[in-house]
């Protein structure tokens, strides 16, 4: 654990993604953090851990991290890395699940706002609820979308 202990001392206090590797160099877990130093250190020091986390920690031989400009960017990067590498201990986003998008069909006379899992058709506008845009934050915070656009209030 000497290499890991040395790396733990060098972790920055910034947002980013951390990638845990096993002894063969395979990615076994990808996580995100608002503060990499605090989050990654939690795995290796005292504290209550689930059986899954304890098993994962036993298999960690090394790790690396990627600094992100913001928590939102870390969230997106984490999502992409999990989909690309399908790590053993990441169970939530491996199976083609993704973060939701807000959909507005511009072909409708009175477009409605819908939550969708993927982007599909032309003529529709998709925006993720995870973004830096103030409008997206309004959706995420549950404030009325009526202030943003004249949207239909009832579903089809």
C-alpha atoms as a PDB file:
ATOM      1  CA  UNK A   1       0.000   0.000   0.000  1.00  0.00           C
ATOM      2  CA  UNK A   2       3.071   2.286  -0.053  1.00  0.00           C
ATOM      3  CA  UNK A   3       2.375   3.640  -3.535  1.00  0.00           C
ATOM      4  CA  UNK A   4      -1.236   4.343  -2.635  1.00  0.00           C
ATOM      5  CA  UNK A   5      -0.271   6.101   0.617  1.00  0.00           C
ATOM      6  CA  UNK A   6       2.152   8.346  -1.285  1.00  0.00           C
ATOM      7  CA  UNK A   7      -0.487   9.187  -3.891  1.00  0.00           C
ATOM      8  CA  UNK A   8      -3.088   9.948  -1.199  1.00  0.00           C
ATOM      9  CA  UNK A   9      -0.815  12.689   0.149  1.00  0.00           C
ATOM     10  CA  UNK A  10      -0.666  14.324  -3.277  1.00  0.00           C
ATOM     11  CA  UNK A  11      -4.400  14.420  -4.002  1.00  0.00           C
ATOM     12  CA  UNK A  12      -5.784  17.896  -4.777  1.00  0.00           C
ATOM     13  CA  UNK A  13      -8.772  19.441  -3.026  1.00  0.00           C
ATOM     14  CA  UNK A  14     -10.562  20.015  -6.310  1.00  0.00           C
ATOM     15  CA  UNK A  15     -13.412  18.382  -8.217  1.00  0.00           C
ATOM     16  CA  UNK A  16     -12.661  15.438 -10.423  1.00  0.00           C
ATOM     17  CA  UNK A  17     -12.945  11.770 -11.200  1.00  0.00           C
ATOM     18  CA  UNK A  18     -10.924   8.978  -9.601  1.00  0.00           C
ATOM     19  CA  UNK A  19     -10.248   5.611 -11.198  1.00  0.00           C
ATOM     20  CA  UNK A  20      -9.403   2.545  -9.094  1.00  0.00           C
ATOM     21  CA  UNK A  21      -7.253  -0.205 -10.651  1.00  0.00           C
ATOM     22  CA  UNK A  22      -6.633  -3.818  -9.644  1.00  0.00           C
ATOM     23  CA  UNK A  23      -3.221  -5.541  -9.689  1.00  0.00           C
ATOM     24  CA  UNK A  24      -3.555  -6.333 -13.421  1.00  0.00           C
ATOM     25  CA  UNK A  25      -4.261  -2.673 -14.242  1.00  0.00           C
ATOM     26  CA  UNK A  26      -7.954  -3.252 -14.957  1.00  0.00           C
ATOM     27  CA  UNK A  27     -10.335  -0.447 -13.991  1.00  0.00           C
ATOM     28  CA  UNK A  28     -12.542  -1.743 -11.184  1.00  0.00           C
ATOM     29  CA  UNK A  29     -14.255   1.467 -10.086  1.00  0.00           C
ATOM     30  CA  UNK A  30     -14.818   5.014 -11.333  1.00  0.00           C
ATOM     31  CA  UNK A  31     -16.089   7.704  -8.974  1.00  0.00           C
ATOM     32  CA  UNK A  32     -16.522  11.466  -8.866  1.00  0.00           C
ATOM     33  CA  UNK A  33     -15.790  13.917  -6.100  1.00  0.00           C
ATOM     34  CA  UNK A  34     -16.290  17.551  -5.213  1.00  0.00           C
ATOM     35  CA  UNK A  35     -13.049  17.249  -3.236  1.00  0.00           C
ATOM     36  CA  UNK A  36     -10.786  14.449  -4.516  1.00  0.00           C
ATOM     37  CA  UNK A  37      -8.552  14.473  -1.451  1.00  0.00           C
ATOM     38  CA  UNK A  38     -11.394  13.924   1.012  1.00  0.00           C
ATOM     39  CA  UNK A  39     -13.326  11.430  -1.096  1.00  0.00           C
ATOM     40  CA  UNK A  40     -10.525   9.095  -2.167  1.00  0.00           C
ATOM     41  CA  UNK A  41      -8.974   9.015   1.314  1.00  0.00           C
ATOM     42  CA  UNK A  42     -12.302   7.754   2.736  1.00  0.00           C
ATOM     43  CA  UNK A  43     -11.759   4.403   1.040  1.00  0.00           C
ATOM     44  CA  UNK A  44      -8.440   3.735   2.765  1.00  0.00           C
ATOM     45  CA  UNK A  45      -8.948   5.022   6.294  1.00  0.00           C
ATOM     46  CA  UNK A  46     -11.135   3.999   9.217  1.00  0.00           C
ATOM     47  CA  UNK A  47     -14.847   4.299   8.913  1.00  0.00           C
ATOM     48  CA  UNK A  48     -17.910   2.191   8.349  1.00  0.00           C
ATOM     49  CA  UNK A  49     -17.903   0.593   4.885  1.00  0.00           C
ATOM     50  CA  UNK A  50     -20.355  -1.723   3.180  1.00  0.00           C
ATOM     51  CA  UNK A  51     -19.260  -5.259   2.274  1.00  0.00           C
ATOM     52  CA  UNK A  52     -19.075  -4.219  -1.398  1.00  0.00           C
ATOM     53  CA  UNK A  53     -16.763  -1.288  -0.630  1.00  0.00           C
ATOM     54  CA  UNK A  54     -14.540  -3.412   1.635  1.00  0.00           C
ATOM     55  CA  UNK A  55     -14.214  -6.048  -1.109  1.00  0.00           C
ATOM     56  CA  UNK A  56     -13.370  -3.370  -3.669  1.00  0.00           C
ATOM     57  CA  UNK A  57     -10.746  -1.743  -1.428  1.00  0.00           C
ATOM     58  CA  UNK A  58      -9.023  -5.122  -0.985  1.00  0.00           C
ATOM     59  CA  UNK A  59      -8.673  -5.314  -4.779  1.00  0.00           C
ATOM     60  CA  UNK A  60      -7.294  -1.779  -5.294  1.00  0.00           C
ATOM     61  CA  UNK A  61      -3.637  -1.879  -6.300  1.00  0.00           C
ATOM     62  CA  UNK A  62      -3.408   1.639  -7.707  1.00  0.00           C
ATOM     63  CA  UNK A  63      -5.519   4.636  -8.677  1.00  0.00           C
ATOM     64  CA  UNK A  64      -5.339   7.778 -10.720  1.00  0.00           C
ATOM     65  CA  UNK A  65      -7.477  10.890 -10.953  1.00  0.00           C
ATOM     66  CA  UNK A  66      -8.567  13.446 -13.500  1.00  0.00           C
ATOM     67  CA  UNK A  67      -9.199  17.012 -12.353  1.00  0.00           C
ATOM     68  CA  UNK A  68     -12.415  18.523 -13.706  1.00  0.00           C
ATOM     69  CA  UNK A  69     -13.341  22.222 -13.922  1.00  0.00           C
ATOM     70  CA  UNK A  70     -16.509  21.632 -11.873  1.00  0.00           C
ATOM     71  CA  UNK A  71     -18.632  19.009 -10.139  1.00  0.00           C
ATOM     72  CA  UNK A  72     -20.941  18.941 -13.151  1.00  0.00           C
ATOM     73  CA  UNK A  73     -18.047  18.201 -15.497  1.00  0.00           C
ATOM     74  CA  UNK A  74     -16.873  15.455 -13.129  1.00  0.00           C
ATOM     75  CA  UNK A  75     -20.365  13.939 -13.188  1.00  0.00           C
ATOM     76  CA  UNK A  76     -20.385  13.853 -16.983  1.00  0.00           C
ATOM     77  CA  UNK A  77     -16.845  12.449 -17.192  1.00  0.00           C
ATOM     78  CA  UNK A  78     -17.674   9.766 -14.630  1.00  0.00           C
ATOM     79  CA  UNK A  79     -20.725   8.751 -16.682  1.00  0.00           C
ATOM     80  CA  UNK A  80     -18.653   8.485 -19.876  1.00  0.00           C
ATOM     81  CA  UNK A  81     -15.834   6.506 -18.252  1.00  0.00           C
ATOM     82  CA  UNK A  82     -18.247   4.017 -16.679  1.00  0.00           C
ATOM     83  CA  UNK A  83     -19.941   3.440 -20.028  1.00  0.00           C
ATOM     84  CA  UNK A  84     -16.601   3.010 -21.794  1.00  0.00           C
ATOM     85  CA  UNK A  85     -14.849   0.721 -19.277  1.00  0.00           C
ATOM     86  CA  UNK A  86     -17.780  -0.967 -17.466  1.00  0.00           C
ATOM     87  CA  UNK A  87     -15.926  -1.334 -14.153  1.00  0.00           C
ATOM     88  CA  UNK A  88     -16.799  -4.305 -11.968  1.00  0.00           C
ATOM     89  CA  UNK A  89     -17.898  -2.310  -8.925  1.00  0.00           C
ATOM     90  CA  UNK A  90     -19.932   0.365 -10.742  1.00  0.00           C
ATOM     91  CA  UNK A  91     -23.408  -1.079 -10.980  1.00  0.00           C
ATOM     92  CA  UNK A  92     -25.675   1.902 -11.623  1.00  0.00           C
ATOM     93  CA  UNK A  93     -24.540   3.246 -15.010  1.00  0.00           C
ATOM     94  CA  UNK A  94     -23.066   0.147 -16.693  1.00  0.00           C
ATOM     95  CA  UNK A  95     -26.226  -1.116 -18.323  1.00  0.00           C
ATOM     96  CA  UNK A  96     -26.875   1.711 -20.809  1.00  0.00           C
ATOM     97  CA  UNK A  97     -28.550   3.860 -18.174  1.00  0.00           C
ATOM     98  CA  UNK A  98     -27.776   7.507 -18.443  1.00  0.00           C
ATOM     99  CA  UNK A  99     -28.621  10.812 -16.892  1.00  0.00           C
ATOM    100  CA  UNK A 100     -31.973  12.199 -18.023  1.00  0.00           C
ATOM    101  CA  UNK A 101     -32.507  14.865 -20.666  1.00  0.00           C
ATOM    102  CA  UNK A 102     -35.245  17.446 -20.911  1.00  0.00           C
ATOM    103  CA  UNK A 103     -36.996  17.250 -24.281  1.00  0.00           C
ATOM    104  CA  UNK A 104     -38.970  19.942 -26.072  1.00  0.00           C
ATOM    105  CA  UNK A 105     -40.482  18.964 -29.429  1.00  0.00           C
ATOM    106  CA  UNK A 106     -40.330  22.111 -31.560  1.00  0.00           C
ATOM    107  CA  UNK A 107     -42.695  20.596 -34.157  1.00  0.00           C
ATOM    108  CA  UNK A 108     -45.626  20.781 -31.744  1.00  0.00           C
ATOM    109  CA  UNK A 109     -47.792  23.908 -31.747  1.00  0.00           C
ATOM    110  CA  UNK A 110     -47.690  23.990 -27.951  1.00  0.00           C
ATOM    111  CA  UNK A 111     -44.607  22.029 -26.955  1.00  0.00           C
ATOM    112  CA  UNK A 112     -44.519  20.164 -23.661  1.00  0.00           C
ATOM    113  CA  UNK A 113     -41.505  19.557 -21.485  1.00  0.00           C
ATOM    114  CA  UNK A 114     -40.708  15.853 -21.068  1.00  0.00           C
ATOM    115  CA  UNK A 115     -37.963  13.912 -19.334  1.00  0.00           C
ATOM    116  CA  UNK A 116     -36.224  11.412 -21.648  1.00  0.00           C
ATOM    117  CA  UNK A 117     -33.358   8.956 -21.197  1.00  0.00           C
ATOM    118  CA  UNK A 118     -31.855   9.393 -24.658  1.00  0.00           C
ATOM    119  CA  UNK A 119     -31.758  11.712 -27.644  1.00  0.00           C
ATOM    120  CA  UNK A 120     -33.399  10.355 -30.772  1.00  0.00           C
ATOM    121  CA  UNK A 121     -35.270  12.517 -33.295  1.00  0.00           C
ATOM    122  CA  UNK A 122     -34.567  15.609 -35.348  1.00  0.00           C
ATOM    123  CA  UNK A 123     -36.590  18.713 -34.606  1.00  0.00           C
ATOM    124  CA  UNK A 124     -36.484  18.105 -30.867  1.00  0.00           C
ATOM    125  CA  UNK A 125     -34.343  20.004 -28.412  1.00  0.00           C
ATOM    126  CA  UNK A 126     -32.624  18.007 -25.685  1.00  0.00           C
ATOM    127  CA  UNK A 127     -30.825  19.441 -22.699  1.00  0.00           C
ATOM    128  CA  UNK A 128     -29.383  17.588 -19.767  1.00  0.00           C
ATOM    129  CA  UNK A 129     -30.478  18.643 -16.303  1.00  0.00           C
ATOM    130  CA  UNK A 130     -26.815  18.498 -15.314  1.00  0.00           C
ATOM    131  CA  UNK A 131     -25.219  21.587 -16.765  1.00  0.00           C
ATOM    132  CA  UNK A 132     -23.964  25.041 -15.998  1.00  0.00           C
ATOM    133  CA  UNK A 133     -26.838  26.885 -17.641  1.00  0.00           C
ATOM    134  CA  UNK A 134     -29.159  28.759 -15.250  1.00  0.00           C
ATOM    135  CA  UNK A 135     -32.225  27.424 -17.058  1.00  0.00           C
ATOM    136  CA  UNK A 136     -31.151  23.860 -16.399  1.00  0.00           C
ATOM    137  CA  UNK A 137     -30.633  24.695 -12.749  1.00  0.00           C
ATOM    138  CA  UNK A 138     -34.201  25.990 -12.597  1.00  0.00           C
ATOM    139  CA  UNK A 139     -35.491  22.636 -13.837  1.00  0.00           C
ATOM    140  CA  UNK A 140     -33.292  20.762 -11.391  1.00  0.00           C
ATOM    141  CA  UNK A 141     -34.366  22.965  -8.487  1.00  0.00           C
ATOM    142  CA  UNK A 142     -38.018  22.368  -9.312  1.00  0.00           C
ATOM    143  CA  UNK A 143     -38.912  25.937 -10.232  1.00  0.00           C
ATOM    144  CA  UNK A 144     -41.600  26.484 -12.816  1.00  0.00           C
ATOM    145  CA  UNK A 145     -40.626  26.069 -16.448  1.00  0.00           C
ATOM    146  CA  UNK A 146     -43.424  28.486 -17.429  1.00  0.00           C
ATOM    147  CA  UNK A 147     -41.046  31.407 -16.849  1.00  0.00           C
ATOM    148  CA  UNK A 148     -38.673  29.988 -19.460  1.00  0.00           C
ATOM    149  CA  UNK A 149     -41.035  29.275 -22.342  1.00  0.00           C
ATOM    150  CA  UNK A 150     -44.746  28.996 -23.042  1.00  0.00           C
ATOM    151  CA  UNK A 151     -44.964  25.232 -22.539  1.00  0.00           C
ATOM    152  CA  UNK A 152     -48.043  23.069 -22.420  1.00  0.00           C
ATOM    153  CA  UNK A 153     -48.794  22.139 -18.811  1.00  0.00           C
ATOM    154  CA  UNK A 154     -50.609  18.836 -19.340  1.00  0.00           C
ATOM    155  CA  UNK A 155     -49.241  15.633 -20.846  1.00  0.00           C
ATOM    156  CA  UNK A 156     -50.656  14.154 -24.039  1.00  0.00           C
END
